Protein backbone atom coordinates (compact mmCIF):
# COMPACT_ATOMS: atom_id res chain seq x y z
CA MET A 1 16.40 -31.37 18.23
CA SER A 2 15.37 -28.95 15.50
CA LYS A 3 11.75 -28.64 14.51
CA SER A 4 12.41 -30.10 11.05
CA ASN A 5 14.01 -33.19 12.65
CA ARG A 6 11.07 -33.51 15.04
CA ASP A 7 8.67 -33.31 12.11
CA LEU A 8 10.64 -35.97 10.22
CA GLN A 9 10.65 -38.37 13.15
CA MET A 10 6.97 -37.74 13.85
CA ALA A 11 6.22 -38.53 10.20
CA ASP A 12 8.25 -41.76 10.55
CA ILE A 13 6.32 -42.74 13.66
CA ALA A 14 3.02 -41.98 11.94
CA ALA A 15 3.97 -44.14 8.94
CA LEU A 16 5.07 -47.08 11.13
CA ALA A 17 1.96 -46.85 13.30
CA GLY A 18 -0.37 -46.39 10.34
CA VAL A 19 -1.85 -43.17 11.72
CA SER A 20 -1.64 -39.43 10.97
CA LYS A 21 0.94 -37.02 12.41
CA SER A 22 -1.81 -35.28 14.38
CA THR A 23 -2.76 -38.63 15.95
CA VAL A 24 0.90 -39.19 16.91
CA SER A 25 0.98 -35.72 18.49
CA ARG A 26 -2.23 -36.40 20.42
CA ALA A 27 -1.06 -39.85 21.52
CA LEU A 28 2.21 -38.50 22.89
CA ALA A 29 0.24 -35.74 24.62
CA ASP A 30 -2.00 -38.40 26.25
CA SER A 31 -5.09 -36.95 24.56
CA PRO A 32 -8.39 -38.66 25.41
CA LEU A 33 -9.21 -38.50 21.68
CA VAL A 34 -6.77 -41.38 21.05
CA ASN A 35 -7.53 -44.91 22.28
CA ASN A 36 -5.13 -46.65 24.67
CA LYS A 37 -4.05 -49.28 22.13
CA THR A 38 -2.95 -46.63 19.64
CA LYS A 39 -1.24 -44.61 22.40
CA ALA A 40 0.74 -47.65 23.48
CA LEU A 41 1.80 -48.42 19.89
CA VAL A 42 2.86 -44.84 19.20
CA ARG A 43 4.83 -44.59 22.44
CA LYS A 44 6.57 -47.89 21.77
CA ILE A 45 7.67 -46.75 18.30
CA ALA A 46 8.67 -43.32 19.64
CA LYS A 47 10.88 -44.96 22.26
CA GLU A 48 12.52 -47.17 19.64
CA LYS A 49 13.15 -44.08 17.49
CA ASN A 50 14.60 -42.14 20.46
CA TYR A 51 11.99 -39.48 19.82
CA ARG A 52 11.95 -36.76 22.49
CA PHE A 53 8.54 -35.18 22.83
CA ASN A 54 8.33 -31.49 23.78
CA SER A 55 6.51 -31.68 27.10
CA ALA A 56 6.30 -27.89 27.51
CA ALA A 57 4.49 -27.55 24.20
CA ARG A 58 2.34 -30.55 25.10
CA ASN A 59 1.24 -29.01 28.38
CA PHE A 60 0.54 -25.70 26.68
CA ARG A 61 -1.79 -27.36 24.18
CA THR A 62 -3.60 -29.84 26.41
CA LYS A 63 -4.60 -27.36 29.14
CA GLN A 64 -6.99 -25.44 26.95
CA THR A 65 -8.24 -22.00 27.91
CA LEU A 66 -10.16 -21.33 24.67
CA THR A 67 -8.28 -18.02 24.67
CA ILE A 68 -5.94 -16.85 21.92
CA ALA A 69 -3.43 -14.10 22.67
CA VAL A 70 -2.87 -11.39 20.07
CA ILE A 71 0.45 -9.66 20.67
CA ILE A 72 1.32 -6.36 18.99
CA ALA A 73 5.12 -6.11 18.78
CA ALA A 74 6.20 -2.47 18.49
CA ALA A 75 9.53 -0.78 19.14
CA ASP A 76 9.66 2.22 21.49
CA ASP A 77 11.00 4.43 18.70
CA VAL A 78 8.11 3.68 16.32
CA GLU A 79 5.26 6.17 16.33
CA TRP A 80 2.35 3.78 16.14
CA SER A 81 0.46 1.70 18.63
CA ILE A 82 -2.50 -0.56 19.16
CA SER A 83 -4.65 2.46 18.23
CA ASP A 84 -3.19 2.55 14.69
CA PRO A 85 -6.09 2.11 12.20
CA PHE A 86 -4.50 -0.89 10.48
CA PHE A 87 -4.00 -2.76 13.74
CA LEU A 88 -7.42 -1.81 15.03
CA GLU A 89 -9.05 -3.26 11.93
CA ILE A 90 -7.08 -6.49 11.78
CA THR A 91 -7.44 -7.04 15.53
CA ALA A 92 -11.22 -6.55 15.31
CA ALA A 93 -11.33 -9.01 12.41
CA ILE A 94 -9.28 -11.54 14.40
CA ALA A 95 -11.66 -11.17 17.36
CA GLU A 96 -14.63 -11.88 15.10
CA ALA A 97 -12.92 -14.89 13.50
CA LEU A 98 -12.05 -16.30 16.93
CA ASP A 99 -15.58 -15.75 18.22
CA GLN A 100 -16.98 -17.69 15.26
CA ARG A 101 -14.70 -20.58 16.25
CA GLY A 102 -15.55 -20.55 19.95
CA HIS A 103 -12.44 -18.72 21.20
CA GLN A 104 -11.89 -15.40 22.90
CA LEU A 105 -9.13 -12.84 22.37
CA LEU A 106 -6.55 -11.53 24.82
CA LEU A 107 -4.82 -8.42 23.45
CA THR A 108 -1.46 -7.19 24.66
CA ARG A 109 1.71 -5.50 23.44
CA THR A 110 5.41 -6.23 23.75
CA ARG A 111 8.61 -4.50 22.69
CA PRO A 112 11.46 -6.14 20.74
CA GLN A 113 13.82 -5.84 23.71
CA GLN A 114 11.22 -7.64 25.83
CA ALA A 115 10.53 -10.45 23.35
CA GLU A 116 11.53 -13.06 25.95
CA TRP A 117 8.28 -12.12 27.67
CA ILE A 118 6.41 -13.99 24.92
CA GLU A 119 8.16 -17.21 25.97
CA THR A 120 7.18 -16.59 29.58
CA PHE A 121 3.61 -15.99 28.42
CA ILE A 122 3.64 -19.31 26.56
CA ARG A 123 5.16 -21.30 29.43
CA ASN A 124 2.60 -19.91 31.86
CA ARG A 125 -0.17 -21.25 29.56
CA GLN A 126 -2.16 -18.03 29.65
CA ALA A 127 -3.66 -18.88 26.25
CA ASP A 128 -3.93 -21.82 23.87
CA GLY A 129 -2.02 -20.05 21.12
CA VAL A 130 -0.44 -16.78 20.12
CA ILE A 131 -0.99 -14.52 17.10
CA VAL A 132 1.79 -11.95 16.61
CA ILE A 133 1.47 -8.75 14.59
CA GLY A 134 4.77 -6.94 14.14
CA GLN A 135 7.08 -9.60 12.70
CA GLY A 136 9.75 -7.20 11.43
CA SER A 137 11.24 -6.32 14.79
CA ILE A 138 11.32 -9.79 16.38
CA HIS A 139 11.58 -12.34 13.55
CA THR A 140 14.68 -14.02 15.03
CA GLN A 141 13.06 -14.43 18.45
CA LEU A 142 9.86 -15.75 16.86
CA ASN A 143 11.80 -18.37 14.92
CA GLU A 144 13.53 -19.50 18.10
CA LEU A 145 10.19 -19.75 19.91
CA ALA A 146 8.64 -21.69 17.02
CA GLU A 147 11.42 -24.25 17.32
CA GLN A 148 10.21 -24.94 20.87
CA PHE A 149 6.46 -24.34 20.74
CA ASP A 150 4.01 -25.11 17.95
CA VAL A 151 1.66 -22.34 19.05
CA LEU A 152 2.50 -19.33 16.85
CA SER A 153 0.74 -17.63 13.93
CA VAL A 154 2.34 -14.44 12.60
CA TRP A 155 1.24 -11.60 10.31
CA GLY A 156 4.13 -10.61 8.08
CA ALA A 157 6.16 -11.55 5.03
CA PRO A 158 8.30 -14.56 4.06
CA VAL A 159 11.94 -14.07 5.02
CA GLU A 160 15.12 -15.31 3.40
CA GLY A 161 15.89 -18.75 4.76
CA GLY A 162 12.27 -19.33 5.69
CA GLN A 163 10.41 -19.15 8.99
CA ALA A 164 9.50 -21.88 11.46
CA TYR A 165 6.17 -20.32 12.40
CA ALA A 166 2.84 -20.19 10.54
CA LEU A 167 2.68 -17.04 8.43
CA ALA A 168 -0.10 -15.03 6.80
CA GLY A 169 0.15 -11.68 5.11
CA SER A 170 -0.20 -9.60 2.00
CA ASN A 171 1.85 -10.34 -1.11
CA ASN A 172 4.01 -7.29 -0.50
CA LEU A 173 6.16 -7.85 -3.57
CA GLN A 174 3.07 -7.74 -5.79
CA GLY A 175 1.68 -4.77 -3.88
CA GLY A 176 4.86 -2.82 -4.47
CA ARG A 177 4.87 -3.84 -8.12
CA LEU A 178 1.31 -2.51 -8.55
CA ALA A 179 2.35 0.82 -7.02
CA GLY A 180 5.45 1.09 -9.21
CA GLU A 181 3.60 0.23 -12.40
CA HIS A 182 0.79 2.67 -11.68
CA ILE A 183 3.03 5.62 -10.85
CA ALA A 184 5.03 5.01 -14.03
CA GLU A 185 1.86 4.81 -16.12
CA THR A 186 0.84 8.26 -14.85
CA GLY A 187 3.95 9.66 -16.54
CA ARG A 188 6.07 10.29 -13.44
CA LYS A 189 9.81 9.90 -13.93
CA ASN A 190 11.52 10.73 -10.63
CA ILE A 191 10.16 8.70 -7.73
CA ALA A 192 11.00 8.81 -4.03
CA PHE A 193 10.29 6.05 -1.49
CA VAL A 194 9.57 6.43 2.21
CA GLY A 195 9.82 3.56 4.72
CA TYR A 196 12.02 1.17 6.69
CA GLN A 197 14.12 -1.20 4.61
CA ASP A 198 15.01 -3.58 7.45
CA HIS A 199 11.50 -4.99 7.97
CA PRO A 200 10.57 -7.98 5.75
CA GLU A 201 7.23 -6.52 4.66
CA ILE A 202 8.63 -3.11 3.71
CA ALA A 203 11.70 -4.58 2.03
CA SER A 204 9.39 -6.69 -0.16
CA ARG A 205 7.25 -3.67 -1.00
CA PHE A 206 10.30 -1.67 -2.05
CA ALA A 207 11.62 -4.55 -4.17
CA GLY A 208 8.21 -4.78 -5.83
CA VAL A 209 8.16 -1.04 -6.52
CA GLN A 210 11.53 -1.32 -8.24
CA GLN A 211 10.26 -4.24 -10.33
CA GLY A 212 7.18 -2.31 -11.38
CA LEU A 213 9.25 0.73 -12.34
CA ALA A 214 11.74 -1.43 -14.24
CA GLU A 215 8.93 -2.46 -16.59
CA HIS A 216 8.98 1.19 -17.71
CA GLN A 217 12.79 1.59 -17.68
CA LEU A 218 12.65 3.54 -14.41
CA SER A 219 14.16 3.04 -10.96
CA ILE A 220 14.42 4.82 -7.61
CA SER A 221 17.77 6.42 -6.90
CA SER A 222 19.29 5.55 -3.52
CA GLU A 223 19.39 9.29 -2.84
CA LEU A 224 15.60 9.39 -2.97
CA VAL A 225 15.02 6.58 -0.46
CA PHE A 226 14.06 8.05 2.92
CA GLY A 227 13.71 6.41 6.33
CA SER A 228 10.43 5.76 8.07
CA LEU A 229 8.48 8.87 9.00
CA MET A 230 7.01 6.95 11.94
CA ASP A 231 10.37 6.70 13.75
CA ARG A 232 10.28 8.95 16.82
CA ASN A 233 14.04 9.50 16.66
CA THR A 234 14.62 10.06 12.94
CA GLY A 235 11.18 10.49 11.36
CA GLU A 236 11.08 14.27 11.63
CA LYS A 237 14.53 14.57 10.07
CA SER A 238 13.57 12.21 7.22
CA LEU A 239 10.45 14.26 6.52
CA GLU A 240 12.46 17.49 6.54
CA GLN A 241 14.94 16.01 4.05
CA LEU A 242 12.08 14.87 1.83
CA VAL A 243 10.53 18.34 1.79
CA ASN A 244 13.86 20.09 1.20
CA ARG A 245 14.49 17.94 -1.88
CA ARG A 246 11.00 18.33 -3.32
CA ASP A 247 12.35 19.64 -6.63
CA GLU A 248 14.12 16.31 -7.27
CA TYR A 249 11.04 14.08 -7.54
CA ASP A 250 7.54 14.18 -8.98
CA ALA A 251 6.11 11.21 -7.06
CA VAL A 252 6.39 9.60 -3.61
CA ILE A 253 5.53 6.00 -2.78
CA ALA A 254 5.09 5.51 0.97
CA ALA A 255 5.31 2.18 2.80
CA SER A 256 2.03 2.90 4.61
CA ASP A 257 -0.96 5.21 4.41
CA MET A 258 -0.01 6.93 7.66
CA GLN A 259 3.34 7.92 6.17
CA ALA A 260 1.65 9.01 2.94
CA PHE A 261 -0.55 11.38 4.96
CA LYS A 262 2.54 12.92 6.56
CA VAL A 263 4.13 13.35 3.14
CA MET A 264 1.08 15.09 1.69
CA SER A 265 0.60 17.36 4.70
CA ALA A 266 4.26 18.43 4.74
CA LEU A 267 4.41 19.08 0.99
CA GLN A 268 1.10 20.96 0.96
CA SER A 269 2.37 23.19 3.76
CA VAL A 270 5.12 24.50 1.47
CA GLY A 271 2.83 25.06 -1.51
CA VAL A 272 3.21 21.74 -3.36
CA ASP A 273 0.05 20.74 -5.19
CA ILE A 274 -0.90 17.07 -5.00
CA PRO A 275 -1.12 15.43 -7.49
CA ARG A 276 -0.24 18.17 -10.01
CA ASP A 277 3.31 18.72 -8.70
CA VAL A 278 3.87 15.48 -6.80
CA ALA A 279 1.81 12.27 -6.91
CA VAL A 280 1.57 10.19 -3.72
CA ILE A 281 0.74 6.51 -3.20
CA GLY A 282 0.25 4.82 0.18
CA TYR A 283 -0.15 1.22 1.36
CA ASP A 284 -2.90 -0.41 3.49
CA ASP A 285 -6.09 1.44 2.44
CA ILE A 286 -7.14 2.43 5.93
CA PRO A 287 -10.55 4.20 6.15
CA ALA A 288 -9.02 7.70 6.23
CA ALA A 289 -7.53 7.14 2.76
CA ALA A 290 -10.98 7.63 1.23
CA ILE A 291 -11.69 10.95 2.99
CA TYR A 292 -8.28 12.65 3.15
CA HIS A 293 -7.79 15.65 0.82
CA PRO A 294 -6.90 14.71 -1.80
CA THR A 295 -8.15 11.15 -1.42
CA LEU A 296 -5.26 8.70 -1.33
CA THR A 297 -4.32 6.24 -4.04
CA THR A 298 -3.11 3.18 -2.18
CA ILE A 299 -2.61 -0.59 -2.08
CA ARG A 300 -5.38 -2.42 -0.24
CA GLN A 301 -4.59 -5.28 2.14
CA ASP A 302 -7.59 -7.50 2.91
CA ARG A 303 -7.51 -7.41 6.70
CA SER A 304 -10.63 -9.57 7.11
CA ALA A 305 -9.27 -12.38 4.95
CA GLY A 306 -5.89 -11.98 6.66
CA ALA A 307 -7.47 -12.37 10.09
CA GLU A 308 -9.26 -15.53 8.95
CA LEU A 309 -5.95 -16.95 7.73
CA LEU A 310 -4.12 -16.07 10.95
CA VAL A 311 -6.75 -17.83 13.05
CA ASP A 312 -7.10 -20.87 10.78
CA ASN A 313 -3.30 -21.25 10.52
CA LEU A 314 -3.01 -21.18 14.30
CA LEU A 315 -5.79 -23.70 14.91
CA LYS A 316 -4.20 -26.07 12.38
CA VAL A 317 -0.83 -25.76 14.13
CA LEU A 318 -2.46 -26.43 17.50
CA ASP A 319 -4.06 -29.51 15.92
CA GLY A 320 -0.61 -30.90 15.16
CA LYS A 321 -0.32 -29.85 11.53
CA GLY A 322 2.76 -28.14 10.14
CA PRO A 323 3.00 -24.35 9.79
CA SER A 324 1.85 -22.85 6.50
CA CYS A 325 2.82 -19.68 4.65
CA ILE A 326 -0.04 -17.97 2.78
CA GLU A 327 0.02 -14.60 1.04
CA LEU A 328 -3.07 -12.65 0.01
CA GLU A 329 -3.15 -10.75 -3.26
CA PRO A 330 -3.30 -6.95 -2.78
CA GLU A 331 -5.38 -4.52 -4.83
CA LEU A 332 -4.54 -1.13 -6.33
CA ILE A 333 -7.11 1.49 -5.26
CA ILE A 334 -6.90 4.53 -7.54
CA ARG A 335 -8.06 7.84 -6.07
CA GLU A 336 -7.05 11.49 -6.47
CA SER A 337 -3.47 11.60 -5.16
CA ALA A 338 -1.93 9.63 -8.04
């Protein structure tokens, strides 16, 4: 039974019993918070409706550990890790948000080819819920897990066709639009873009950049779109191609601050002046952006607010409420590089 069908039948049961969906969920899970009379009524209606309750998800929720797992999903060929400034900041903010709500954090990492490990983690009830950072590489697996277990909260971007899990993230389309508009307003005409196109967040940022440029009758040529500089297999080649074609563009928009730093370092090493010759914009606004030389113009994501959303979304899901999708508005931070 798909999750949407389960939700529909649970809503039907709630309406017939005169209670909320969360009460139906608790009653079917034999929660002590629901009186025996209501439990009996709910179970009777559920049986008449041929409703099949997910016992694995029930057991996961009712045996509380007051621990929330935060899983960083990173591919082997991507040159970033749990020590990446963005992930350090958002993980620290998640830990604080959990502590304020009486939960503790368990931090771990998985790889896309090992995504089935997350299901094992869930079935073994090592935590009450799971927050995943790194949606792009395992979206399909996360959707499949969310169909079975209502215990996921994910940092990322909305995907075509929707997602079954609770989602929080930056409005990447708007962030890209801000970057595109700003670079056009500085008078730049030939813009390059650096970053993966197959991750939902980066794809939205690129689409937003193109929208922002279109407002000024500009666009990025496909020849000036380069792969991620953080890819261990192809990043060095992409950076070399970018440097070799430096006469073809006067601005670079990078999908992250870390990639923007690589762009600036490589261009400066061959005598390119930033921003006189080439302007550079990043994305994230990690602390180093304010002290790099030149300081980096970037798009700020509010990690603290994002962490609060991730935690609140998860606790609502664990309480029997449906998954939500909330995007935070990004902010353009203008510094020296553009």
